[in-house]
């Protein structure tokens, strides 16, 4: 069976026996009518996503248990509590004439009681944030049509530069790093799709939907793989080695 392209500009390139499997998308192109969710790569990613969600919930339960012990305090608040505790101990030590002894004792007690708890809380928060990012952002990207095989690269590309954790949760940044009002789903369905269409199903760096290659300096005798027009116009020169592709 011939390998069928996900998107074609014309049905002329599709064997006649398979043309009924394509439908027009309204933009002049034809899309293969297939069940993307049944693809093994997508099914695998969904399974992994469900596992990660389960891990995130377990971390939330552990974090809740930790909060029950030390309260819902930030590291800064805990530092203030410790400072107040030391101040009280210092006052009592000065009155008793045993300042140095009590201070050393208070420091050791503080380290023993609070340091492990603060460290554990920070580690749990870091793990939870990482799992939340992979799960929420990954699902939004797949829903918008990002190629599952390129998902890991996409997540690395957008983390902190375009999507980061804010005070109220994950927030989307615009092209200049300012917080926007768009949701993660809206970002992948519009902005990112325009900026990097080659990460989506049915497109690649040199094919339909790749978009213009802007902001990158190309040397003489070299064309960008993201410039479809230049690539097609130089097929002979590329084959002969006169022109290189970057």
Protein backbone atom coordinates (compact mmCIF):
# COMPACT_ATOMS: atom_id res chain seq x y z
CA UNK A 1 0.00 0.00 0.00
CA UNK A 2 1.43 3.42 -0.91
CA UNK A 3 2.24 5.88 1.88
CA UNK A 4 -0.41 8.58 1.84
CA UNK A 5 0.42 12.19 2.69
CA UNK A 6 -1.63 13.81 5.44
CA UNK A 7 -2.23 16.98 3.37
CA UNK A 8 -1.96 17.50 -0.40
CA UNK A 9 -2.46 20.52 -2.62
CA UNK A 10 -4.14 18.48 -5.36
CA UNK A 11 -5.73 15.05 -5.62
CA UNK A 12 -3.72 14.49 -8.80
CA UNK A 13 -0.78 13.32 -6.65
CA UNK A 14 -2.96 10.71 -4.91
CA UNK A 15 -3.60 7.29 -6.49
CA UNK A 16 -7.14 7.28 -7.83
CA UNK A 17 -8.16 4.38 -5.58
CA UNK A 18 -7.45 6.46 -2.48
CA UNK A 19 -8.82 9.86 -3.51
CA UNK A 20 -12.13 9.25 -1.73
CA UNK A 21 -10.18 9.15 1.55
CA UNK A 22 -9.40 12.88 1.24
CA UNK A 23 -11.68 15.81 2.00
CA UNK A 24 -11.30 19.50 1.14
CA UNK A 25 -10.34 21.70 4.11
CA UNK A 26 -11.74 24.93 2.70
CA UNK A 27 -8.36 26.47 1.92
CA UNK A 28 -7.79 24.72 -1.40
CA UNK A 29 -5.97 21.75 0.14
CA UNK A 30 -7.11 18.19 0.78
CA UNK A 31 -6.73 16.42 4.13
CA UNK A 32 -6.57 12.67 4.68
CA UNK A 33 -9.71 11.68 6.59
CA UNK A 34 -8.27 9.40 9.27
CA UNK A 35 -8.62 8.77 12.98
CA UNK A 36 -5.59 10.60 14.45
CA UNK A 37 -6.47 9.43 17.98
CA UNK A 38 -6.02 5.81 16.88
CA UNK A 39 -2.41 6.48 15.83
CA UNK A 40 -0.06 4.46 18.12
CA UNK A 41 2.07 7.54 18.86
CA UNK A 42 -0.96 9.58 19.95
CA UNK A 43 -2.41 6.71 21.98
CA UNK A 44 0.94 6.25 23.70
CA UNK A 45 1.19 9.93 24.56
CA UNK A 46 -2.34 9.94 26.00
CA UNK A 47 -1.48 6.94 28.15
CA UNK A 48 1.69 8.62 29.41
CA UNK A 49 -0.28 11.82 30.04
CA UNK A 50 -2.77 9.92 32.20
CA UNK A 51 0.10 8.37 34.16
CA UNK A 52 1.68 11.78 34.72
CA UNK A 53 -1.63 13.20 35.93
CA UNK A 54 -1.81 10.35 38.45
CA UNK A 55 1.73 11.15 39.63
CA UNK A 56 0.83 14.83 39.93
CA UNK A 57 -2.19 14.02 42.11
CA UNK A 58 0.00 11.85 44.34
CA UNK A 59 2.45 14.73 44.71
CA UNK A 60 -0.44 17.05 45.60
CA UNK A 61 -1.48 14.67 48.38
CA UNK A 62 2.09 14.56 49.70
CA UNK A 63 2.28 18.35 49.55
CA UNK A 64 -1.01 18.64 51.46
CA UNK A 65 0.36 16.35 54.18
CA UNK A 66 3.49 18.49 54.39
CA UNK A 67 1.41 21.68 54.68
CA UNK A 68 -0.50 20.12 57.56
CA UNK A 69 2.78 19.87 59.43
CA UNK A 70 4.37 23.27 58.73
CA UNK A 71 1.38 25.27 57.53
CA UNK A 72 0.86 27.04 54.24
CA UNK A 73 4.01 29.15 54.57
CA UNK A 74 6.38 30.31 51.86
CA UNK A 75 10.15 29.90 52.43
CA UNK A 76 10.27 33.66 53.15
CA UNK A 77 7.56 33.37 55.80
CA UNK A 78 9.37 30.46 57.43
CA UNK A 79 12.53 32.58 57.54
CA UNK A 80 10.57 35.32 59.33
CA UNK A 81 9.21 32.81 61.84
CA UNK A 82 12.72 31.57 62.53
CA UNK A 83 13.99 35.14 62.93
CA UNK A 84 11.25 35.89 65.49
CA UNK A 85 12.07 32.68 67.31
CA UNK A 86 15.76 33.56 67.48
CA UNK A 87 14.97 37.07 68.70
CA UNK A 88 12.87 35.67 71.55
CA UNK A 89 15.59 33.19 72.51
CA UNK A 90 18.20 35.96 72.39
CA UNK A 91 16.22 38.10 74.78
CA UNK A 92 15.88 35.26 77.24
CA UNK A 93 19.55 34.35 76.87
CA UNK A 94 20.70 37.90 77.54
CA UNK A 95 18.65 38.00 80.72
CA UNK A 96 20.07 34.68 81.85
CA UNK A 97 23.64 35.54 80.85
CA UNK A 98 23.90 32.47 78.60
CA UNK A 99 23.45 34.05 75.16
CA UNK A 100 26.05 32.05 73.22
CA UNK A 101 24.92 28.73 74.59
CA UNK A 102 21.25 29.30 73.87
CA UNK A 103 21.94 30.74 70.45
CA UNK A 104 23.90 27.67 69.38
CA UNK A 105 21.15 25.44 70.71
CA UNK A 106 18.45 27.39 68.87
CA UNK A 107 20.36 27.21 65.58
CA UNK A 108 20.79 23.46 65.82
CA UNK A 109 17.14 22.96 66.73
CA UNK A 110 16.01 25.16 63.84
CA UNK A 111 18.09 23.23 61.33
CA UNK A 112 16.80 19.91 62.64
CA UNK A 113 13.12 20.94 62.60
CA UNK A 114 12.68 23.21 59.57
CA UNK A 115 15.42 22.65 57.00
CA UNK A 116 14.30 19.15 55.90
CA UNK A 117 10.66 20.21 55.70
CA UNK A 118 11.43 23.28 53.59
CA UNK A 119 13.65 21.25 51.27
CA UNK A 120 11.04 18.54 50.85
CA UNK A 121 8.35 21.11 50.11
CA UNK A 122 10.49 22.82 47.46
CA UNK A 123 11.31 19.49 45.81
CA UNK A 124 7.65 18.46 45.73
CA UNK A 125 6.64 21.82 44.24
CA UNK A 126 9.34 21.56 41.56
CA UNK A 127 8.23 18.04 40.59
CA UNK A 128 4.57 19.04 40.54
CA UNK A 129 5.26 22.10 38.35
CA UNK A 130 7.22 19.98 35.86
CA UNK A 131 4.49 17.34 35.64
CA UNK A 132 1.77 19.96 35.32
CA UNK A 133 3.63 21.67 32.46
CA UNK A 134 4.11 18.41 30.51
CA UNK A 135 0.51 17.35 31.05
CA UNK A 136 -1.41 20.60 30.48
CA UNK A 137 0.80 22.08 27.76
CA UNK A 138 1.30 18.72 26.06
CA UNK A 139 -2.44 18.04 25.83
CA UNK A 140 -3.11 21.55 24.47
CA UNK A 141 -0.40 21.13 21.83
CA UNK A 142 -1.71 17.73 20.67
CA UNK A 143 -5.28 19.02 20.60
CA UNK A 144 -4.18 21.87 18.31
CA UNK A 145 -2.55 19.41 15.90
CA UNK A 146 1.13 19.37 16.93
CA UNK A 147 2.93 16.31 15.58
CA UNK A 148 3.28 13.84 18.51
CA UNK A 149 6.79 12.95 17.35
CA UNK A 150 7.83 16.61 17.74
CA UNK A 151 6.05 17.23 21.05
CA UNK A 152 9.18 16.97 23.22
CA UNK A 153 10.95 19.58 21.09
CA UNK A 154 7.91 21.87 21.23
CA UNK A 155 7.70 21.66 25.03
CA UNK A 156 11.37 22.60 25.36
CA UNK A 157 10.92 25.48 22.89
CA UNK A 158 7.97 27.14 24.66
CA UNK A 159 8.88 26.51 28.31
CA UNK A 160 9.60 29.84 30.09
CA UNK A 161 10.04 31.70 26.76
CA UNK A 162 6.34 31.50 25.75
CA UNK A 163 4.63 29.62 28.60
CA UNK A 164 5.61 29.88 32.25
CA UNK A 165 4.12 29.50 35.71
CA UNK A 166 2.68 32.73 37.04
CA UNK A 167 1.04 33.61 40.33
CA UNK A 168 -2.31 32.21 39.21
CA UNK A 169 -1.04 29.25 37.14
CA UNK A 170 0.37 28.76 33.67
CA UNK A 171 0.44 31.96 31.62
CA UNK A 172 1.19 32.67 27.96
CA UNK A 173 3.76 35.27 26.92
CA UNK A 174 3.69 37.19 23.67
CA UNK A 175 6.60 37.43 21.21
CA UNK A 176 8.32 40.15 23.29
CA UNK A 177 7.96 38.35 26.61
CA UNK A 178 4.94 40.25 27.96
CA UNK A 179 2.07 38.38 29.62
CA UNK A 180 -0.86 37.95 27.24
CA UNK A 181 -4.52 37.17 27.90
CA UNK A 182 -4.55 34.04 25.75
CA UNK A 183 -4.95 30.56 27.18
CA UNK A 184 -2.49 27.78 26.45
CA UNK A 185 -5.02 26.21 24.06
CA UNK A 186 -5.49 29.49 22.18
CA UNK A 187 -1.73 29.96 21.94
CA UNK A 188 -1.18 26.61 20.19
CA UNK A 189 -4.25 27.02 17.98
CA UNK A 190 -3.16 30.44 16.67
CA UNK A 191 0.14 32.14 17.61
CA UNK A 192 2.45 29.15 17.72
CA UNK A 193 0.86 27.61 14.65
CA UNK A 194 1.65 30.78 12.68
CA UNK A 195 5.18 31.03 14.09
CA UNK A 196 6.18 27.38 13.73
CA UNK A 197 3.74 25.49 11.46
CA UNK A 198 6.37 22.84 10.74
CA UNK A 199 5.70 21.32 14.17
CA UNK A 200 2.10 20.49 13.23
CA UNK A 201 0.72 17.38 11.54
CA UNK A 202 0.63 17.71 7.77
CA UNK A 203 3.53 20.18 7.58
CA UNK A 204 7.29 20.06 7.70
CA UNK A 205 10.24 22.43 7.46
CA UNK A 206 10.21 22.40 3.68
CA UNK A 207 6.62 21.68 2.75
CA UNK A 208 3.16 23.18 2.81
CA UNK A 209 2.57 25.52 5.73
CA UNK A 210 6.24 25.86 6.68
CA UNK A 211 6.09 29.64 6.63
CA UNK A 212 8.76 32.21 5.93
CA UNK A 213 12.21 32.00 7.47
CA UNK A 214 12.69 35.33 9.21
CA UNK A 215 15.30 36.66 11.56
CA UNK A 216 18.04 34.21 10.44
CA UNK A 217 21.05 35.20 8.32
CA UNK A 218 21.62 32.91 5.32
CA UNK A 219 25.00 32.96 3.53
CA UNK A 220 25.61 33.15 -0.20
CA UNK A 221 24.88 29.92 -2.06
CA UNK A 222 22.61 28.72 0.74
CA UNK A 223 18.82 28.71 0.98
CA UNK A 224 16.61 28.07 3.96
CA UNK A 225 14.72 24.80 4.22
CA UNK A 226 11.84 26.91 5.59
CA UNK A 227 11.50 28.85 2.33
CA UNK A 228 9.36 26.60 0.08
CA UNK A 229 9.52 28.92 -2.92
CA UNK A 230 13.32 29.15 -2.89
CA UNK A 231 13.66 25.43 -2.23
CA UNK A 232 11.48 24.43 -5.19
CA UNK A 233 13.10 26.99 -7.47
CA UNK A 234 16.56 25.56 -6.76
CA UNK A 235 15.92 21.84 -6.95
CA UNK A 236 18.39 21.34 -9.81
CA UNK A 237 21.12 23.43 -8.15
CA UNK A 238 20.57 21.59 -4.86
CA UNK A 239 20.88 18.22 -6.60
CA UNK A 240 24.09 19.29 -8.37
CA UNK A 241 25.59 20.68 -5.20
CA UNK A 242 25.74 24.30 -6.37
CA UNK A 243 23.31 25.38 -3.67
CA UNK A 244 23.20 24.15 -0.09
CA UNK A 245 20.19 23.92 2.20
CA UNK A 246 20.36 25.19 5.79
